[in-house]
């Protein structure tokens, strides 16, 4: 089977659409969604939109007290604890959830870090790759029984940043020199490849997967960037006020992942990289503009990454299926 054609389908939504626009008139009553990072930035708006449409939303959080404060007043939200850079924590959360016997209809992997100082986790893994990708790989595989029962949609939040770097197969963990932007970019390519491979492996069980670029949004994701760096990039002025064109609000930034997780237009489809509430077009750009690089949806690289991730984490719900 081939993956979904990487071309726009004319969704009727666009860059200015919000998560509420995407879900207008939708009834998600009886559905259960898990949203990592669902208490901050576009993740919080995703939680708010899904719960507002009737879904029960589980938010596994590194900072549970912060999550409780952020989600206070939103009905149908339950909190748990997970640290994506700690496989023991990921496994414990998955075990707690599976013990509840519930099915999963939607899983959105939105938690992550960007351009952080060199960080080593676990057995020396590079931090972006470990948190943004490996933690989510383990989480989805450990939750597979509930995802399969629910015929879930799994959404991996990637970024146009993937255009800067493919997978550095000869030095995935940056052992020969660290660059924070290349590390971030590689992890975002990994998110896209993960979705592409999961879609191939999971579709016979009714599980489909997408990745996406949410857009440029000022959120706590920029916590590791100095203001001077954001000024130099033309994003903000010296007082921290947004000055760049093309940035989205958090409500608009949440729209594409909500669309990918719920849109009836995507029934029977999967494996594609999305942006602006539609499937993205291919690009050869390295400038973080619209579109997706071929290497981020390449089925051979997706299979290679899955095997590497399974080897590193020791977690693979599809062992023996290649």
Protein backbone atom coordinates (compact mmCIF):
# COMPACT_ATOMS: atom_id res chain seq x y z
CA UNK A 1 0.00 0.00 0.00
CA UNK A 2 1.14 3.51 -0.74
CA UNK A 3 0.60 6.44 1.57
CA UNK A 4 -1.83 9.26 0.83
CA UNK A 5 -0.87 11.55 -2.05
CA UNK A 6 1.00 14.58 -0.73
CA UNK A 7 -1.20 17.24 -2.32
CA UNK A 8 -3.91 19.63 -1.15
CA UNK A 9 -7.48 18.35 -1.04
CA UNK A 10 -9.28 21.68 -0.71
CA UNK A 11 -10.44 21.41 2.88
CA UNK A 12 -12.31 24.70 2.95
CA UNK A 13 -10.13 25.92 5.82
CA UNK A 14 -6.88 27.84 5.75
CA UNK A 15 -4.08 29.59 7.63
CA UNK A 16 -6.45 31.91 9.50
CA UNK A 17 -8.87 29.16 10.59
CA UNK A 18 -9.04 28.42 14.29
CA UNK A 19 -9.55 25.14 16.11
CA UNK A 20 -13.08 26.31 16.93
CA UNK A 21 -13.73 26.93 13.22
CA UNK A 22 -12.59 23.42 12.36
CA UNK A 23 -14.89 21.89 14.97
CA UNK A 24 -17.93 24.11 14.39
CA UNK A 25 -20.97 21.83 14.56
CA UNK A 26 -18.91 18.75 15.43
CA UNK A 27 -20.05 16.44 18.23
CA UNK A 28 -17.21 14.50 19.83
CA UNK A 29 -19.31 13.19 22.71
CA UNK A 30 -18.13 9.73 23.70
CA UNK A 31 -14.70 10.23 22.12
CA UNK A 32 -11.49 10.12 24.12
CA UNK A 33 -8.40 12.10 23.17
CA UNK A 34 -4.91 12.09 24.63
CA UNK A 35 -2.99 15.32 24.06
CA UNK A 36 0.64 15.54 25.16
CA UNK A 37 1.58 19.14 25.79
CA UNK A 38 -2.12 19.83 26.15
CA UNK A 39 -1.73 22.46 28.84
CA UNK A 40 0.45 25.07 27.13
CA UNK A 41 0.46 27.10 23.92
CA UNK A 42 -1.31 25.47 20.99
CA UNK A 43 -1.71 22.30 23.05
CA UNK A 44 -3.92 24.10 25.53
CA UNK A 45 -6.06 25.49 22.70
CA UNK A 46 -6.30 21.97 21.29
CA UNK A 47 -7.50 20.65 24.64
CA UNK A 48 -9.99 23.49 24.93
CA UNK A 49 -11.39 22.89 21.43
CA UNK A 50 -11.69 19.10 21.72
CA UNK A 51 -13.28 19.26 25.16
CA UNK A 52 -15.59 22.03 23.98
CA UNK A 53 -16.86 19.73 21.24
CA UNK A 54 -17.65 17.04 23.81
CA UNK A 55 -14.53 14.87 23.90
CA UNK A 56 -12.96 13.59 27.11
CA UNK A 57 -9.36 14.83 27.00
CA UNK A 58 -6.52 13.20 28.91
CA UNK A 59 -3.52 15.50 29.35
CA UNK A 60 -0.38 13.72 30.55
CA UNK A 61 1.88 16.47 31.87
CA UNK A 62 5.44 16.90 33.05
CA UNK A 63 4.32 19.83 35.27
CA UNK A 64 1.05 18.62 36.69
CA UNK A 65 0.42 21.61 38.95
CA UNK A 66 0.96 23.95 36.02
CA UNK A 67 -1.36 21.83 33.91
CA UNK A 68 -4.04 21.94 36.60
CA UNK A 69 -3.88 25.71 36.71
CA UNK A 70 -3.93 26.06 32.91
CA UNK A 71 -6.87 23.72 32.37
CA UNK A 72 -8.96 24.86 35.33
CA UNK A 73 -12.49 25.61 34.17
CA UNK A 74 -12.32 23.37 31.10
CA UNK A 75 -14.82 20.55 31.43
CA UNK A 76 -14.01 16.94 30.50
CA UNK A 77 -10.27 17.24 31.10
CA UNK A 78 -8.32 14.81 33.25
CA UNK A 79 -4.65 15.09 34.11
CA UNK A 80 -1.96 12.51 34.55
CA UNK A 81 1.81 12.59 34.74
CA UNK A 82 4.38 11.73 32.10
CA UNK A 83 7.96 12.73 31.36
CA UNK A 84 8.72 11.92 27.75
CA UNK A 85 12.48 11.81 28.35
CA UNK A 86 12.00 9.03 30.91
CA UNK A 87 10.87 5.72 29.42
CA UNK A 88 9.92 4.46 32.87
CA UNK A 89 7.53 7.39 33.24
CA UNK A 90 6.10 6.79 29.75
CA UNK A 91 5.57 3.13 30.52
CA UNK A 92 3.94 3.89 33.87
CA UNK A 93 1.48 6.32 32.29
CA UNK A 94 0.62 3.83 29.54
CA UNK A 95 0.05 1.08 32.10
CA UNK A 96 -2.24 3.31 34.16
CA UNK A 97 -4.26 4.24 31.12
CA UNK A 98 -4.54 0.68 29.80
CA UNK A 99 -5.74 -0.47 33.22
CA UNK A 100 -8.73 1.84 32.79
CA UNK A 101 -9.89 -0.34 29.87
CA UNK A 102 -10.80 2.67 27.75
CA UNK A 103 -10.33 3.02 23.99
CA UNK A 104 -8.47 5.94 22.41
CA UNK A 105 -10.07 7.78 19.49
CA UNK A 106 -7.48 10.55 19.09
CA UNK A 107 -3.86 10.89 20.17
CA UNK A 108 -2.03 14.15 19.48
CA UNK A 109 1.68 14.21 20.25
CA UNK A 110 2.32 17.90 20.76
CA UNK A 111 4.73 18.10 23.69
CA UNK A 112 8.25 19.07 22.78
CA UNK A 113 11.27 21.30 23.08
CA UNK A 114 12.92 23.67 20.61
CA UNK A 115 16.45 24.98 20.26
CA UNK A 116 17.42 24.05 23.79
CA UNK A 117 20.98 23.88 25.10
CA UNK A 118 22.72 20.56 24.59
CA UNK A 119 20.90 18.08 26.78
CA UNK A 120 21.55 14.38 27.28
CA UNK A 121 18.84 12.09 28.59
CA UNK A 122 18.63 8.37 29.32
CA UNK A 123 21.68 6.56 27.94
CA UNK A 124 23.05 9.74 26.35
CA UNK A 125 20.34 10.46 23.80
CA UNK A 126 20.18 13.97 22.34
CA UNK A 127 17.36 15.84 24.07
CA UNK A 128 15.26 16.95 21.08
CA UNK A 129 15.34 13.50 19.51
CA UNK A 130 14.54 11.84 22.84
CA UNK A 131 11.68 14.11 23.94
CA UNK A 132 10.11 15.11 20.63
CA UNK A 133 10.41 11.71 18.97
CA UNK A 134 11.53 8.72 21.03
CA UNK A 135 9.20 9.46 23.95
CA UNK A 136 6.23 9.67 21.61
CA UNK A 137 7.33 6.53 19.74
CA UNK A 138 7.33 4.63 23.02
CA UNK A 139 4.03 6.16 24.16
CA UNK A 140 2.12 5.27 21.02
CA UNK A 141 3.49 1.74 20.89
CA UNK A 142 2.72 1.11 24.55
CA UNK A 143 -0.83 2.44 24.10
CA UNK A 144 -1.36 0.42 20.91
CA UNK A 145 -4.09 -1.92 22.28
CA UNK A 146 -6.30 1.06 23.18
CA UNK A 147 -5.51 2.87 19.92
CA UNK A 148 -6.37 -0.19 17.87
CA UNK A 149 -9.66 -0.75 19.69
CA UNK A 150 -10.61 2.86 19.06
CA UNK A 151 -9.55 2.91 15.42
CA UNK A 152 -7.72 6.06 16.42
CA UNK A 153 -6.21 8.93 14.53
CA UNK A 154 -2.68 9.64 15.69
CA UNK A 155 -1.31 13.11 14.99
CA UNK A 156 2.39 13.95 15.31
CA UNK A 157 3.12 17.66 15.59
CA UNK A 158 6.09 18.32 13.32
CA UNK A 159 7.23 21.70 11.97
CA UNK A 160 8.42 23.46 8.84
CA UNK A 161 11.72 23.32 10.73
CA UNK A 162 12.08 19.81 9.33
CA UNK A 163 13.21 21.45 6.09
CA UNK A 164 16.57 22.29 7.69
CA UNK A 165 17.66 18.71 8.27
CA UNK A 166 16.78 15.13 7.53
CA UNK A 167 17.77 12.31 9.86
CA UNK A 168 21.51 12.38 10.52
CA UNK A 169 21.91 8.63 10.23
CA UNK A 170 25.63 8.72 10.96
CA UNK A 171 25.27 10.88 14.09
CA UNK A 172 21.66 10.94 15.30
CA UNK A 173 22.64 12.02 18.82
CA UNK A 174 25.07 14.78 17.80
CA UNK A 175 28.06 13.15 19.39
CA UNK A 176 30.38 14.97 16.96
CA UNK A 177 29.27 18.52 17.62
CA UNK A 178 25.94 20.00 18.70
CA UNK A 179 23.76 22.51 16.85
CA UNK A 180 20.46 23.39 18.53
CA UNK A 181 18.61 24.18 15.30
CA UNK A 182 19.80 21.09 13.45
CA UNK A 183 18.86 18.98 16.47
CA UNK A 184 15.38 20.49 16.53
CA UNK A 185 15.01 20.08 12.77
CA UNK A 186 16.02 16.42 12.85
CA UNK A 187 13.45 15.73 15.57
CA UNK A 188 10.71 17.35 13.49
CA UNK A 189 11.65 15.22 10.48
CA UNK A 190 11.46 12.25 12.84
CA UNK A 191 7.92 13.26 13.84
CA UNK A 192 6.84 13.24 10.19
CA UNK A 193 8.53 9.94 9.43
CA UNK A 194 7.00 8.38 12.54
CA UNK A 195 3.50 9.30 11.35
CA UNK A 196 4.21 7.99 7.88
CA UNK A 197 5.38 4.61 9.19
CA UNK A 198 2.68 4.26 11.84
CA UNK A 199 0.07 4.79 9.17
CA UNK A 200 1.44 1.89 7.15
CA UNK A 201 1.67 -0.40 10.17
CA UNK A 202 -1.61 0.59 11.78
CA UNK A 203 -4.07 1.01 8.93
CA UNK A 204 -5.23 -2.62 8.90
CA UNK A 205 -6.41 -2.03 12.47
CA UNK A 206 -8.18 1.16 11.40
CA UNK A 207 -5.54 3.45 12.91
CA UNK A 208 -4.45 6.30 10.65
CA UNK A 209 -1.74 8.84 11.29
CA UNK A 210 -0.78 12.32 10.11
CA UNK A 211 1.95 14.84 10.83
CA UNK A 212 1.74 18.60 10.48
CA UNK A 213 3.25 22.04 10.69
CA UNK A 214 1.07 24.15 13.00
CA UNK A 215 2.47 27.46 11.77
CA UNK A 216 4.68 30.06 13.39
CA UNK A 217 3.25 30.99 16.79
CA UNK A 218 4.77 32.71 19.80
CA UNK A 219 4.27 30.25 22.68
CA UNK A 220 6.31 28.91 25.62
CA UNK A 221 8.06 26.68 23.05
CA UNK A 222 10.47 29.61 22.57
CA UNK A 223 11.49 29.49 26.24
CA UNK A 224 15.10 28.61 25.37
CA UNK A 225 15.57 31.52 22.96
CA UNK A 226 17.00 34.82 24.09
CA UNK A 227 14.94 37.86 23.15
CA UNK A 228 17.94 39.19 21.23
CA UNK A 229 17.84 36.10 19.03
CA UNK A 230 14.14 36.55 18.32
CA UNK A 231 14.76 40.24 17.55
CA UNK A 232 17.55 39.25 15.16
CA UNK A 233 15.18 36.80 13.48
CA UNK A 234 12.68 39.61 12.99
CA UNK A 235 10.03 37.96 15.13
CA UNK A 236 9.69 40.53 17.92
CA UNK A 237 10.82 44.06 18.76
CA UNK A 238 13.12 45.00 21.63
CA UNK A 239 10.15 44.96 24.03
CA UNK A 240 9.10 41.47 22.98
CA UNK A 241 6.12 42.54 20.89
CA UNK A 242 5.35 40.47 17.80
CA UNK A 243 6.35 42.30 14.62
CA UNK A 244 6.76 39.51 12.05
CA UNK A 245 4.10 38.88 9.42
CA UNK A 246 2.58 35.45 9.04
CA UNK A 247 2.53 34.44 12.69
CA UNK A 248 -0.62 32.75 13.96
CA UNK A 249 -2.50 33.06 17.21
CA UNK A 250 -2.48 29.97 19.45
CA UNK A 251 -6.11 29.36 18.42
CA UNK A 252 -5.07 29.35 14.75
CA UNK A 253 -1.96 27.31 15.54
CA UNK A 254 -4.09 24.57 17.08
CA UNK A 255 -6.37 24.33 14.04
CA UNK A 256 -4.35 22.01 11.81
CA UNK A 257 -3.77 19.36 14.46
CA UNK A 258 -7.45 19.44 15.43
CA UNK A 259 -8.39 19.21 11.74
CA UNK A 260 -6.03 16.28 11.16
CA UNK A 261 -7.44 14.52 14.23
CA UNK A 262 -11.13 14.95 13.42
CA UNK A 263 -11.87 15.96 9.82
CA UNK A 264 -14.30 13.67 7.95
CA UNK A 265 -12.48 14.74 4.77
CA UNK A 266 -9.54 12.58 5.85
CA UNK A 267 -11.50 9.35 6.23
CA UNK A 268 -9.63 6.54 4.50
CA UNK A 269 -6.48 8.66 4.25
CA UNK A 270 -3.26 8.81 6.23
CA UNK A 271 0.49 9.13 6.26
CA UNK A 272 0.47 12.71 4.97
CA UNK A 273 2.08 15.88 6.30
CA UNK A 274 -0.39 18.73 6.71
CA UNK A 275 -0.35 22.52 7.12
CA UNK A 276 -2.94 25.30 7.20
CA UNK A 277 -5.75 22.75 7.67
CA UNK A 278 -4.97 20.87 4.48
CA UNK A 279 -2.47 18.37 3.14
CA UNK A 280 0.78 20.13 2.24
CA UNK A 281 2.45 20.23 -1.15
CA UNK A 282 6.00 18.92 -1.67
CA UNK A 283 8.86 21.40 -1.55
CA UNK A 284 12.64 21.41 -1.94
CA UNK A 285 13.03 24.48 0.28
CA UNK A 286 15.39 24.71 3.23
CA UNK A 287 13.89 28.05 4.34
CA UNK A 288 11.06 26.82 6.60
CA UNK A 289 8.34 27.89 4.18
CA UNK A 290 5.23 26.05 3.01
CA UNK A 291 5.48 22.41 2.03
CA UNK A 292 7.18 19.19 3.02
CA UNK A 293 10.55 17.79 2.00
CA UNK A 294 10.51 14.37 0.35
CA UNK A 295 12.80 12.88 2.97
CA UNK A 296 10.21 13.60 5.69
CA UNK A 297 7.61 11.31 4.10
CA UNK A 298 9.91 8.78 2.42
CA UNK A 299 8.65 5.26 3.26
CA UNK A 300 12.11 3.69 3.31
CA UNK A 301 13.48 6.28 5.71
CA UNK A 302 10.30 5.98 7.79
CA UNK A 303 10.82 2.23 8.13
CA UNK A 304 14.50 2.73 8.96
CA UNK A 305 13.67 5.26 11.66
CA UNK A 306 11.02 2.98 13.15
CA UNK A 307 13.55 0.16 13.43
CA UNK A 308 16.11 2.46 15.03
CA UNK A 309 13.55 3.85 17.48
CA UNK A 310 12.37 0.36 18.43
CA UNK A 311 15.97 -0.68 19.02
CA UNK A 312 16.73 2.37 21.16
CA UNK A 313 13.57 2.27 23.26
CA UNK A 314 12.97 -1.47 23.32
CA UNK A 315 9.34 -0.79 22.44
CA UNK A 316 7.65 -1.98 19.24
CA UNK A 317 4.01 -3.01 19.07
CA UNK A 318 4.65 -4.31 15.54
CA UNK A 319 7.74 -6.44 16.16
CA UNK A 320 8.21 -8.78 13.24
CA UNK A 321 6.15 -6.64 10.86
CA UNK A 322 8.35 -4.78 8.38
